[in-house]
């Protein structure tokens, strides 16, 4: 964690960034990402949020709902979505990938053996979150590399007349830094990628404005000198063993590759969610009934006039 000294930018920049983030956070796509992630990790939303409620009455006879302290409420989320997703991905990408280019050995060597695992990770994210993102980059040795960027961090901005051609990508995520008072705080960092450059902004914990990272912070992040905005990658021009200057280079396009789950841009949870929820309820209620049968006599023995109208389940 480093102390931050940022460059102020017009407040309109913050408004634009906030607008994109708020729209994305409130979108149906972001909701599906959250739901797919939860079900993949067996945190099935419907069963996990279920409460056993009863109608009771106040002293004045006004009915209200409250959680039943005597009713069992076991929650047994199934792992079917993860099992089905993993089967699909392993079937689709189980065979080793081969490269057919003029220099396939070099390309394969640069990407490394981990490229197969990376593609499986992106495919899994597409299956659970509608879309997965692959980000190519050039490392310090000048080699082509790729990595996965979590879909919940990526806001694509498409060209007005082509909803498949990226105009910008806004990536945002949380980081821990030290503010001007030396306190550790969590703030949002934003990367805005276009066809040539990437611009780094960071939230000021005092004003909530997004400001440009200065050169010192860029040096702390990348371990070398970079301007902000910076080119996608750079090449050192050398004379003998000495670097005389550095040349900024660009991909000529936004370096984010989307992998959609299917042509309809839907996640794989949609057609099976109702079946999973029904299975979770049945299996959980089976255990609830076993426990309640054991406790029923104790409940009746202590039933000293407590006002109850009925018991029901609420999702």
C-alpha atoms as a PDB file:
ATOM      1  CA  UNK A   1       0.000   0.000   0.000  1.00  0.00           C
ATOM      2  CA  UNK A   2       1.378   3.378  -1.006  1.00  0.00           C
ATOM      3  CA  UNK A   3       0.523   6.940  -0.173  1.00  0.00           C
ATOM      4  CA  UNK A   4      -1.421   8.442  -3.067  1.00  0.00           C
ATOM      5  CA  UNK A   5      -0.738  11.762  -4.766  1.00  0.00           C
ATOM      6  CA  UNK A   6      -3.210  12.129  -7.589  1.00  0.00           C
ATOM      7  CA  UNK A   7      -3.745  14.672 -10.323  1.00  0.00           C
ATOM      8  CA  UNK A   8      -7.091  16.426 -10.222  1.00  0.00           C
ATOM      9  CA  UNK A   9      -9.307  16.262 -13.284  1.00  0.00           C
ATOM     10  CA  UNK A  10     -12.617  18.022 -14.049  1.00  0.00           C
ATOM     11  CA  UNK A  11     -15.606  16.852 -11.989  1.00  0.00           C
ATOM     12  CA  UNK A  12     -17.363  15.888 -15.212  1.00  0.00           C
ATOM     13  CA  UNK A  13     -14.953  12.952 -15.502  1.00  0.00           C
ATOM     14  CA  UNK A  14     -16.223  11.575 -12.204  1.00  0.00           C
ATOM     15  CA  UNK A  15     -19.837  12.042 -13.305  1.00  0.00           C
ATOM     16  CA  UNK A  16     -19.260  10.100 -16.517  1.00  0.00           C
ATOM     17  CA  UNK A  17     -17.417   7.257 -14.773  1.00  0.00           C
ATOM     18  CA  UNK A  18     -20.032   7.066 -12.020  1.00  0.00           C
ATOM     19  CA  UNK A  19     -22.825   6.992 -14.595  1.00  0.00           C
ATOM     20  CA  UNK A  20     -21.280   4.032 -16.420  1.00  0.00           C
ATOM     21  CA  UNK A  21     -20.610   2.136 -13.177  1.00  0.00           C
ATOM     22  CA  UNK A  22     -24.089   2.800 -11.762  1.00  0.00           C
ATOM     23  CA  UNK A  23     -25.774   1.735 -15.010  1.00  0.00           C
ATOM     24  CA  UNK A  24     -23.722  -1.461 -15.096  1.00  0.00           C
ATOM     25  CA  UNK A  25     -24.295  -2.286 -11.411  1.00  0.00           C
ATOM     26  CA  UNK A  26     -28.039  -1.873 -11.851  1.00  0.00           C
ATOM     27  CA  UNK A  27     -28.272  -3.794 -15.119  1.00  0.00           C
ATOM     28  CA  UNK A  28     -29.872  -7.169 -15.723  1.00  0.00           C
ATOM     29  CA  UNK A  29     -26.505  -8.430 -16.955  1.00  0.00           C
ATOM     30  CA  UNK A  30     -24.828  -7.649 -13.632  1.00  0.00           C
ATOM     31  CA  UNK A  31     -27.698  -9.343 -11.786  1.00  0.00           C
ATOM     32  CA  UNK A  32     -27.190 -12.494 -13.853  1.00  0.00           C
ATOM     33  CA  UNK A  33     -23.458 -12.418 -13.143  1.00  0.00           C
ATOM     34  CA  UNK A  34     -24.121 -12.327  -9.405  1.00  0.00           C
ATOM     35  CA  UNK A  35     -26.730 -15.085  -9.599  1.00  0.00           C
ATOM     36  CA  UNK A  36     -24.580 -17.331 -11.784  1.00  0.00           C
ATOM     37  CA  UNK A  37     -21.568 -16.853  -9.507  1.00  0.00           C
ATOM     38  CA  UNK A  38     -23.626 -17.738  -6.416  1.00  0.00           C
ATOM     39  CA  UNK A  39     -25.116 -20.909  -7.909  1.00  0.00           C
ATOM     40  CA  UNK A  40     -21.756 -22.036  -9.279  1.00  0.00           C
ATOM     41  CA  UNK A  41     -20.288 -21.804  -5.774  1.00  0.00           C
ATOM     42  CA  UNK A  42     -23.276 -23.581  -4.174  1.00  0.00           C
ATOM     43  CA  UNK A  43     -24.585 -20.435  -2.552  1.00  0.00           C
ATOM     44  CA  UNK A  44     -27.977 -20.943  -4.202  1.00  0.00           C
ATOM     45  CA  UNK A  45     -29.889 -17.740  -3.637  1.00  0.00           C
ATOM     46  CA  UNK A  46     -33.448 -19.029  -3.313  1.00  0.00           C
ATOM     47  CA  UNK A  47     -32.774 -21.606  -0.609  1.00  0.00           C
ATOM     48  CA  UNK A  48     -30.149 -19.550   1.226  1.00  0.00           C
ATOM     49  CA  UNK A  49     -32.466 -16.564   1.693  1.00  0.00           C
ATOM     50  CA  UNK A  50     -35.497 -18.651   2.718  1.00  0.00           C
ATOM     51  CA  UNK A  51     -37.054 -17.960   6.128  1.00  0.00           C
ATOM     52  CA  UNK A  52     -39.691 -19.861   8.056  1.00  0.00           C
ATOM     53  CA  UNK A  53     -42.292 -17.283   9.048  1.00  0.00           C
ATOM     54  CA  UNK A  54     -45.414 -17.321  11.175  1.00  0.00           C
ATOM     55  CA  UNK A  55     -48.321 -14.998  11.725  1.00  0.00           C
ATOM     56  CA  UNK A  56     -48.445 -13.645  15.259  1.00  0.00           C
ATOM     57  CA  UNK A  57     -50.421 -10.916  16.965  1.00  0.00           C
ATOM     58  CA  UNK A  58     -49.489  -7.903  18.985  1.00  0.00           C
ATOM     59  CA  UNK A  59     -51.141  -7.240  22.339  1.00  0.00           C
ATOM     60  CA  UNK A  60     -53.640  -5.119  20.449  1.00  0.00           C
ATOM     61  CA  UNK A  61     -54.524  -8.032  18.180  1.00  0.00           C
ATOM     62  CA  UNK A  62     -52.734  -6.717  15.083  1.00  0.00           C
ATOM     63  CA  UNK A  63     -51.297  -9.590  12.990  1.00  0.00           C
ATOM     64  CA  UNK A  64     -47.696  -9.439  11.797  1.00  0.00           C
ATOM     65  CA  UNK A  65     -45.083 -11.746  10.324  1.00  0.00           C
ATOM     66  CA  UNK A  66     -42.077 -12.960  12.284  1.00  0.00           C
ATOM     67  CA  UNK A  67     -39.532 -15.738  11.959  1.00  0.00           C
ATOM     68  CA  UNK A  68     -40.590 -18.957  13.653  1.00  0.00           C
ATOM     69  CA  UNK A  69     -38.057 -19.818  16.392  1.00  0.00           C
ATOM     70  CA  UNK A  70     -39.321 -23.415  16.633  1.00  0.00           C
ATOM     71  CA  UNK A  71     -39.398 -24.341  12.954  1.00  0.00           C
ATOM     72  CA  UNK A  72     -36.328 -26.052  11.471  1.00  0.00           C
ATOM     73  CA  UNK A  73     -34.777 -24.188   8.563  1.00  0.00           C
ATOM     74  CA  UNK A  74     -31.978 -26.293   7.147  1.00  0.00           C
ATOM     75  CA  UNK A  75     -30.522 -25.003   3.893  1.00  0.00           C
ATOM     76  CA  UNK A  76     -29.005 -27.581   1.577  1.00  0.00           C
ATOM     77  CA  UNK A  77     -27.912 -25.898  -1.648  1.00  0.00           C
ATOM     78  CA  UNK A  78     -27.057 -28.384  -4.366  1.00  0.00           C
ATOM     79  CA  UNK A  79     -23.942 -28.192  -6.512  1.00  0.00           C
ATOM     80  CA  UNK A  80     -25.611 -29.217  -9.769  1.00  0.00           C
ATOM     81  CA  UNK A  81     -24.860 -25.995 -11.615  1.00  0.00           C
ATOM     82  CA  UNK A  82     -21.124 -26.301 -10.972  1.00  0.00           C
ATOM     83  CA  UNK A  83     -21.166 -29.959 -12.000  1.00  0.00           C
ATOM     84  CA  UNK A  84     -23.012 -29.264 -15.264  1.00  0.00           C
ATOM     85  CA  UNK A  85     -20.879 -26.216 -16.070  1.00  0.00           C
ATOM     86  CA  UNK A  86     -17.612 -28.066 -15.460  1.00  0.00           C
ATOM     87  CA  UNK A  87     -18.786 -30.968 -17.627  1.00  0.00           C
ATOM     88  CA  UNK A  88     -19.647 -28.610 -20.474  1.00  0.00           C
ATOM     89  CA  UNK A  89     -16.325 -26.751 -20.304  1.00  0.00           C
ATOM     90  CA  UNK A  90     -14.228 -29.905 -20.038  1.00  0.00           C
ATOM     91  CA  UNK A  91     -16.073 -31.447 -22.986  1.00  0.00           C
ATOM     92  CA  UNK A  92     -15.671 -28.306 -25.114  1.00  0.00           C
ATOM     93  CA  UNK A  93     -12.038 -27.571 -24.242  1.00  0.00           C
ATOM     94  CA  UNK A  94     -10.726 -30.928 -23.115  1.00  0.00           C
ATOM     95  CA  UNK A  95      -8.572 -31.415 -26.190  1.00  0.00           C
ATOM     96  CA  UNK A  96      -5.277 -29.538 -26.340  1.00  0.00           C
ATOM     97  CA  UNK A  97      -5.328 -26.428 -28.492  1.00  0.00           C
ATOM     98  CA  UNK A  98      -3.089 -26.365 -31.564  1.00  0.00           C
ATOM     99  CA  UNK A  99      -1.855 -23.189 -33.228  1.00  0.00           C
ATOM    100  CA  UNK A 100      -1.633 -22.927 -37.005  1.00  0.00           C
ATOM    101  CA  UNK A 101       0.434 -19.885 -37.944  1.00  0.00           C
ATOM    102  CA  UNK A 102       3.688 -19.187 -39.744  1.00  0.00           C
ATOM    103  CA  UNK A 103       5.416 -19.335 -36.370  1.00  0.00           C
ATOM    104  CA  UNK A 104       3.149 -21.530 -34.276  1.00  0.00           C
ATOM    105  CA  UNK A 105       5.983 -22.816 -32.045  1.00  0.00           C
ATOM    106  CA  UNK A 106       6.888 -19.295 -30.939  1.00  0.00           C
ATOM    107  CA  UNK A 107       3.249 -18.373 -30.361  1.00  0.00           C
ATOM    108  CA  UNK A 108       2.612 -21.538 -28.373  1.00  0.00           C
ATOM    109  CA  UNK A 109       5.773 -20.938 -26.343  1.00  0.00           C
ATOM    110  CA  UNK A 110       4.814 -17.351 -25.543  1.00  0.00           C
ATOM    111  CA  UNK A 111       1.308 -18.220 -24.438  1.00  0.00           C
ATOM    112  CA  UNK A 112       2.567 -21.158 -22.431  1.00  0.00           C
ATOM    113  CA  UNK A 113       0.936 -24.375 -21.278  1.00  0.00           C
ATOM    114  CA  UNK A 114      -1.373 -22.376 -19.032  1.00  0.00           C
ATOM    115  CA  UNK A 115      -3.307 -21.012 -22.014  1.00  0.00           C
ATOM    116  CA  UNK A 116      -5.552 -24.092 -22.048  1.00  0.00           C
ATOM    117  CA  UNK A 117      -6.412 -23.610 -18.375  1.00  0.00           C
ATOM    118  CA  UNK A 118      -6.981 -19.909 -18.993  1.00  0.00           C
ATOM    119  CA  UNK A 119      -9.454 -20.624 -21.782  1.00  0.00           C
ATOM    120  CA  UNK A 120     -11.331 -23.019 -19.499  1.00  0.00           C
ATOM    121  CA  UNK A 121     -11.533 -20.301 -16.878  1.00  0.00           C
ATOM    122  CA  UNK A 122     -12.891 -17.782 -19.382  1.00  0.00           C
ATOM    123  CA  UNK A 123     -15.378 -20.361 -20.715  1.00  0.00           C
ATOM    124  CA  UNK A 124     -16.565 -21.132 -17.191  1.00  0.00           C
ATOM    125  CA  UNK A 125     -17.107 -17.445 -16.574  1.00  0.00           C
ATOM    126  CA  UNK A 126     -19.042 -17.123 -19.828  1.00  0.00           C
ATOM    127  CA  UNK A 127     -21.241 -20.042 -18.808  1.00  0.00           C
ATOM    128  CA  UNK A 128     -22.018 -18.555 -15.396  1.00  0.00           C
ATOM    129  CA  UNK A 129     -21.922 -14.832 -16.241  1.00  0.00           C
ATOM    130  CA  UNK A 130     -23.077 -14.612 -19.892  1.00  0.00           C
ATOM    131  CA  UNK A 131     -19.675 -13.285 -21.007  1.00  0.00           C
ATOM    132  CA  UNK A 132     -16.004 -13.888 -20.240  1.00  0.00           C
ATOM    133  CA  UNK A 133     -13.124 -11.547 -21.076  1.00  0.00           C
ATOM    134  CA  UNK A 134      -9.649 -12.365 -22.373  1.00  0.00           C
ATOM    135  CA  UNK A 135      -7.033  -9.587 -22.194  1.00  0.00           C
ATOM    136  CA  UNK A 136      -3.862  -9.862 -24.344  1.00  0.00           C
ATOM    137  CA  UNK A 137      -0.771  -7.908 -23.345  1.00  0.00           C
ATOM    138  CA  UNK A 138       2.962  -7.700 -23.937  1.00  0.00           C
ATOM    139  CA  UNK A 139       5.122  -8.438 -20.906  1.00  0.00           C
ATOM    140  CA  UNK A 140       8.452  -6.825 -19.997  1.00  0.00           C
ATOM    141  CA  UNK A 141      10.306  -9.367 -22.145  1.00  0.00           C
ATOM    142  CA  UNK A 142       8.312  -8.443 -25.228  1.00  0.00           C
ATOM    143  CA  UNK A 143       6.327 -11.680 -25.272  1.00  0.00           C
ATOM    144  CA  UNK A 144       2.625 -12.024 -25.971  1.00  0.00           C
ATOM    145  CA  UNK A 145       0.636 -13.045 -22.899  1.00  0.00           C
ATOM    146  CA  UNK A 146      -3.047 -13.311 -22.041  1.00  0.00           C
ATOM    147  CA  UNK A 147      -5.050 -13.200 -18.855  1.00  0.00           C
ATOM    148  CA  UNK A 148      -8.640 -13.364 -17.710  1.00  0.00           C
ATOM    149  CA  UNK A 149     -10.331 -10.228 -16.402  1.00  0.00           C
ATOM    150  CA  UNK A 150     -13.384 -10.924 -14.195  1.00  0.00           C
ATOM    151  CA  UNK A 151     -16.564 -10.048 -16.063  1.00  0.00           C
ATOM    152  CA  UNK A 152     -17.935  -8.085 -13.107  1.00  0.00           C
ATOM    153  CA  UNK A 153     -15.023  -5.644 -13.538  1.00  0.00           C
ATOM    154  CA  UNK A 154     -15.526  -4.935 -17.245  1.00  0.00           C
ATOM    155  CA  UNK A 155     -17.925  -2.380 -18.719  1.00  0.00           C
ATOM    156  CA  UNK A 156     -17.855  -2.564 -22.541  1.00  0.00           C
ATOM    157  CA  UNK A 157     -18.723   0.562 -24.526  1.00  0.00           C
ATOM    158  CA  UNK A 158     -19.593  -0.342 -28.105  1.00  0.00           C
ATOM    159  CA  UNK A 159     -19.514   1.825 -31.179  1.00  0.00           C
ATOM    160  CA  UNK A 160     -22.860   3.522 -31.966  1.00  0.00           C
ATOM    161  CA  UNK A 161     -23.610   1.564 -35.150  1.00  0.00           C
ATOM    162  CA  UNK A 162     -21.904  -1.725 -34.316  1.00  0.00           C
ATOM    163  CA  UNK A 163     -22.729  -3.412 -31.014  1.00  0.00           C
ATOM    164  CA  UNK A 164     -19.884  -5.882 -31.506  1.00  0.00           C
ATOM    165  CA  UNK A 165     -17.087  -3.361 -32.094  1.00  0.00           C
ATOM    166  CA  UNK A 166     -15.589  -2.022 -28.870  1.00  0.00           C
ATOM    167  CA  UNK A 167     -15.036   1.698 -28.631  1.00  0.00           C
ATOM    168  CA  UNK A 168     -13.909   1.671 -24.992  1.00  0.00           C
ATOM    169  CA  UNK A 169     -13.575  -0.679 -22.066  1.00  0.00           C
ATOM    170  CA  UNK A 170     -13.971   0.663 -18.549  1.00  0.00           C
ATOM    171  CA  UNK A 171     -12.499  -1.642 -15.943  1.00  0.00           C
ATOM    172  CA  UNK A 172     -13.087  -0.920 -12.249  1.00  0.00           C
ATOM    173  CA  UNK A 173     -12.095  -2.732  -9.075  1.00  0.00           C
ATOM    174  CA  UNK A 174     -11.345  -2.127  -5.403  1.00  0.00           C
ATOM    175  CA  UNK A 175      -7.822  -1.531  -4.061  1.00  0.00           C
ATOM    176  CA  UNK A 176      -6.424  -0.795  -0.620  1.00  0.00           C
ATOM    177  CA  UNK A 177      -4.212   2.291  -0.403  1.00  0.00           C
ATOM    178  CA  UNK A 178      -3.028   4.773   2.172  1.00  0.00           C
ATOM    179  CA  UNK A 179      -4.603   8.212   1.980  1.00  0.00           C
ATOM    180  CA  UNK A 180      -2.941  11.551   2.738  1.00  0.00           C
ATOM    181  CA  UNK A 181      -3.448  10.906   6.463  1.00  0.00           C
ATOM    182  CA  UNK A 182      -1.658   7.572   6.280  1.00  0.00           C
ATOM    183  CA  UNK A 183      -4.855   5.587   6.832  1.00  0.00           C
ATOM    184  CA  UNK A 184      -5.536   2.345   4.945  1.00  0.00           C
ATOM    185  CA  UNK A 185      -8.706   2.830   2.903  1.00  0.00           C
ATOM    186  CA  UNK A 186     -10.580   0.912   0.198  1.00  0.00           C
ATOM    187  CA  UNK A 187     -11.172   2.912  -2.969  1.00  0.00           C
ATOM    188  CA  UNK A 188     -12.171   2.244  -6.561  1.00  0.00           C
ATOM    189  CA  UNK A 189      -9.537   2.246  -9.290  1.00  0.00           C
ATOM    190  CA  UNK A 190     -10.654   2.689 -12.897  1.00  0.00           C
ATOM    191  CA  UNK A 191      -8.886   1.867 -16.163  1.00  0.00           C
ATOM    192  CA  UNK A 192     -10.244   3.365 -19.380  1.00  0.00           C
ATOM    193  CA  UNK A 193      -8.956   1.500 -22.442  1.00  0.00           C
ATOM    194  CA  UNK A 194      -9.245   2.770 -26.016  1.00  0.00           C
ATOM    195  CA  UNK A 195      -7.557   1.771 -29.286  1.00  0.00           C
ATOM    196  CA  UNK A 196      -4.187   3.261 -28.322  1.00  0.00           C
ATOM    197  CA  UNK A 197      -3.937   4.049 -24.615  1.00  0.00           C
ATOM    198  CA  UNK A 198      -5.142   3.238 -21.137  1.00  0.00           C
ATOM    199  CA  UNK A 199      -5.854   5.946 -18.561  1.00  0.00           C
ATOM    200  CA  UNK A 200      -5.753   5.194 -14.843  1.00  0.00           C
ATOM    201  CA  UNK A 201      -8.064   6.947 -12.398  1.00  0.00           C
ATOM    202  CA  UNK A 202      -8.454   6.432  -8.696  1.00  0.00           C
ATOM    203  CA  UNK A 203     -11.116   7.481  -6.246  1.00  0.00           C
ATOM    204  CA  UNK A 204     -10.225  10.074  -3.609  1.00  0.00           C
ATOM    205  CA  UNK A 205     -11.566   8.805  -0.283  1.00  0.00           C
ATOM    206  CA  UNK A 206     -12.090  12.375   0.967  1.00  0.00           C
ATOM    207  CA  UNK A 207     -13.932  13.872  -2.019  1.00  0.00           C
ATOM    208  CA  UNK A 208     -15.112  10.687  -3.809  1.00  0.00           C
ATOM    209  CA  UNK A 209     -13.823  12.228  -7.052  1.00  0.00           C
ATOM    210  CA  UNK A 210     -11.836  10.220  -9.606  1.00  0.00           C
ATOM    211  CA  UNK A 211      -8.381  11.666 -10.216  1.00  0.00           C
ATOM    212  CA  UNK A 212      -5.478  10.676 -12.437  1.00  0.00           C
ATOM    213  CA  UNK A 213      -2.716   8.628 -10.863  1.00  0.00           C
ATOM    214  CA  UNK A 214       0.551  10.531 -10.923  1.00  0.00           C
ATOM    215  CA  UNK A 215       3.888   9.195 -12.183  1.00  0.00           C
ATOM    216  CA  UNK A 216       5.033   8.073  -8.727  1.00  0.00           C
ATOM    217  CA  UNK A 217       1.973   5.883  -8.275  1.00  0.00           C
ATOM    218  CA  UNK A 218       2.346   4.552 -11.820  1.00  0.00           C
ATOM    219  CA  UNK A 219       5.939   3.651 -10.980  1.00  0.00           C
ATOM    220  CA  UNK A 220       4.811   1.868  -7.809  1.00  0.00           C
ATOM    221  CA  UNK A 221       2.277  -0.188  -9.772  1.00  0.00           C
ATOM    222  CA  UNK A 222       4.373  -1.110 -12.830  1.00  0.00           C
ATOM    223  CA  UNK A 223       7.884  -0.915 -11.339  1.00  0.00           C
ATOM    224  CA  UNK A 224       9.048   1.393 -14.134  1.00  0.00           C
ATOM    225  CA  UNK A 225       8.382   4.844 -15.545  1.00  0.00           C
ATOM    226  CA  UNK A 226       5.048   5.317 -17.280  1.00  0.00           C
ATOM    227  CA  UNK A 227       3.024   8.335 -18.231  1.00  0.00           C
ATOM    228  CA  UNK A 228      -0.695   8.457 -17.540  1.00  0.00           C
ATOM    229  CA  UNK A 229      -2.341   7.823 -19.911  1.00  0.00           C
ATOM    230  CA  UNK A 230       0.075   5.164 -21.166  1.00  0.00           C
ATOM    231  CA  UNK A 231       0.308   3.262 -24.424  1.00  0.00           C
ATOM    232  CA  UNK A 232      -0.797  -0.365 -24.470  1.00  0.00           C
ATOM    233  CA  UNK A 233       2.832  -1.456 -24.416  1.00  0.00           C
ATOM    234  CA  UNK A 234       6.235  -0.023 -25.193  1.00  0.00           C
ATOM    235  CA  UNK A 235       9.506  -0.969 -26.872  1.00  0.00           C
ATOM    236  CA  UNK A 236      12.956   0.069 -25.732  1.00  0.00           C
ATOM    237  CA  UNK A 237      15.171   1.432 -28.525  1.00  0.00           C
ATOM    238  CA  UNK A 238      18.775   0.445 -27.795  1.00  0.00           C
ATOM    239  CA  UNK A 239      22.155   1.488 -29.077  1.00  0.00           C
ATOM    240  CA  UNK A 240      24.419  -1.379 -28.153  1.00  0.00           C
ATOM    241  CA  UNK A 241      23.579  -2.255 -24.548  1.00  0.00           C
ATOM    242  CA  UNK A 242      22.221   1.190 -23.737  1.00  0.00           C
ATOM    243  CA  UNK A 243      18.560   2.136 -23.997  1.00  0.00           C
ATOM    244  CA  UNK A 244      18.377   5.446 -25.820  1.00  0.00           C
ATOM    245  CA  UNK A 245      14.621   5.954 -25.825  1.00  0.00           C
ATOM    246  CA  UNK A 246      11.318   4.218 -25.346  1.00  0.00           C
ATOM    247  CA  UNK A 247       8.650   3.996 -28.015  1.00  0.00           C
ATOM    248  CA  UNK A 248       4.973   3.662 -27.131  1.00  0.00           C
ATOM    249  CA  UNK A 249       2.987   1.128 -29.185  1.00  0.00           C
ATOM    250  CA  UNK A 250      -0.685   0.232 -29.468  1.00  0.00           C
ATOM    251  CA  UNK A 251      -2.771  -2.708 -30.621  1.00  0.00           C
ATOM    252  CA  UNK A 252      -4.899  -0.515 -32.851  1.00  0.00           C
ATOM    253  CA  UNK A 253      -8.009  -1.853 -31.118  1.00  0.00           C
ATOM    254  CA  UNK A 254      -9.302  -2.170 -27.581  1.00  0.00           C
ATOM    255  CA  UNK A 255      -7.323  -5.155 -26.207  1.00  0.00           C
ATOM    256  CA  UNK A 256     -10.244  -7.032 -24.655  1.00  0.00           C
ATOM    257  CA  UNK A 257     -11.680 -10.132 -26.320  1.00  0.00           C
ATOM    258  CA  UNK A 258     -15.238 -11.100 -25.325  1.00  0.00           C
ATOM    259  CA  UNK A 259     -16.278 -14.733 -25.169  1.00  0.00           C
ATOM    260  CA  UNK A 260     -20.065 -14.926 -25.183  1.00  0.00           C
ATOM    261  CA  UNK A 261     -21.697 -18.034 -23.784  1.00  0.00           C
ATOM    262  CA  UNK A 262     -24.016 -18.377 -26.792  1.00  0.00           C
ATOM    263  CA  UNK A 263     -25.612 -16.402 -29.614  1.00  0.00           C
ATOM    264  CA  UNK A 264     -28.579 -15.417 -27.444  1.00  0.00           C
ATOM    265  CA  UNK A 265     -26.184 -13.946 -24.837  1.00  0.00           C
ATOM    266  CA  UNK A 266     -27.708 -15.923 -21.962  1.00  0.00           C
ATOM    267  CA  UNK A 267     -26.085 -17.799 -19.119  1.00  0.00           C
ATOM    268  CA  UNK A 268     -26.528 -21.534 -18.594  1.00  0.00           C
ATOM    269  CA  UNK A 269     -28.352 -21.117 -15.288  1.00  0.00           C
ATOM    270  CA  UNK A 270     -31.534 -19.768 -16.887  1.00  0.00           C
ATOM    271  CA  UNK A 271     -33.111 -23.039 -18.155  1.00  0.00           C
ATOM    272  CA  UNK A 272     -32.285 -25.063 -15.020  1.00  0.00           C
ATOM    273  CA  UNK A 273     -32.612 -22.602 -12.140  1.00  0.00           C
ATOM    274  CA  UNK A 274     -36.229 -23.556 -11.341  1.00  0.00           C
ATOM    275  CA  UNK A 275     -35.307 -27.249 -11.190  1.00  0.00           C
ATOM    276  CA  UNK A 276     -32.340 -26.553  -8.905  1.00  0.00           C
ATOM    277  CA  UNK A 277     -34.481 -24.406  -6.586  1.00  0.00           C
ATOM    278  CA  UNK A 278     -37.161 -27.103  -6.401  1.00  0.00           C
ATOM    279  CA  UNK A 279     -34.558 -29.778  -5.605  1.00  0.00           C
ATOM    280  CA  UNK A 280     -33.022 -27.581  -2.882  1.00  0.00           C
ATOM    281  CA  UNK A 281     -36.418 -27.023  -1.264  1.00  0.00           C
ATOM    282  CA  UNK A 282     -37.352 -30.720  -1.313  1.00  0.00           C
ATOM    283  CA  UNK A 283     -34.020 -31.907   0.114  1.00  0.00           C
ATOM    284  CA  UNK A 284     -33.950 -29.159   2.746  1.00  0.00           C
ATOM    285  CA  UNK A 285     -37.559 -29.794   3.815  1.00  0.00           C
ATOM    286  CA  UNK A 286     -36.869 -33.505   4.151  1.00  0.00           C
ATOM    287  CA  UNK A 287     -34.266 -32.746   6.824  1.00  0.00           C
ATOM    288  CA  UNK A 288     -36.536 -30.101   8.363  1.00  0.00           C
ATOM    289  CA  UNK A 289     -39.355 -32.638   8.723  1.00  0.00           C
ATOM    290  CA  UNK A 290     -37.053 -35.161  10.392  1.00  0.00           C
ATOM    291  CA  UNK A 291     -35.955 -32.573  12.948  1.00  0.00           C
ATOM    292  CA  UNK A 292     -39.462 -31.222  13.522  1.00  0.00           C
ATOM    293  CA  UNK A 293     -40.863 -34.704  14.120  1.00  0.00           C
ATOM    294  CA  UNK A 294     -38.327 -35.150  16.908  1.00  0.00           C
ATOM    295  CA  UNK A 295     -39.140 -31.829  18.517  1.00  0.00           C
ATOM    296  CA  UNK A 296     -42.920 -31.762  18.146  1.00  0.00           C
ATOM    297  CA  UNK A 297     -43.704 -32.994  21.678  1.00  0.00           C
ATOM    298  CA  UNK A 298     -41.424 -30.418  23.243  1.00  0.00           C
ATOM    299  CA  UNK A 299     -43.107 -27.675  21.270  1.00  0.00           C
ATOM    300  CA  UNK A 300     -46.594 -28.769  22.341  1.00  0.00           C
ATOM    301  CA  UNK A 301     -45.559 -29.055  25.971  1.00  0.00           C
ATOM    302  CA  UNK A 302     -44.408 -25.457  26.071  1.00  0.00           C
ATOM    303  CA  UNK A 303     -47.375 -24.149  24.067  1.00  0.00           C
ATOM    304  CA  UNK A 304     -48.677 -21.844  26.834  1.00  0.00           C
ATOM    305  CA  UNK A 305     -51.186 -19.713  24.980  1.00  0.00           C
ATOM    306  CA  UNK A 306     -48.808 -18.118  22.506  1.00  0.00           C
ATOM    307  CA  UNK A 307     -50.936 -16.525  19.816  1.00  0.00           C
ATOM    308  CA  UNK A 308     -50.460 -18.278  16.504  1.00  0.00           C
ATOM    309  CA  UNK A 309     -52.677 -18.151  13.469  1.00  0.00           C
ATOM    310  CA  UNK A 310     -50.642 -20.336  11.088  1.00  0.00           C
ATOM    311  CA  UNK A 311     -47.228 -21.281   9.784  1.00  0.00           C
ATOM    312  CA  UNK A 312     -46.030 -20.734   6.234  1.00  0.00           C
ATOM    313  CA  UNK A 313     -42.803 -20.603   4.267  1.00  0.00           C
ATOM    314  CA  UNK A 314     -41.547 -17.555   2.471  1.00  0.00           C
ATOM    315  CA  UNK A 315     -38.873 -17.448  -0.204  1.00  0.00           C
END
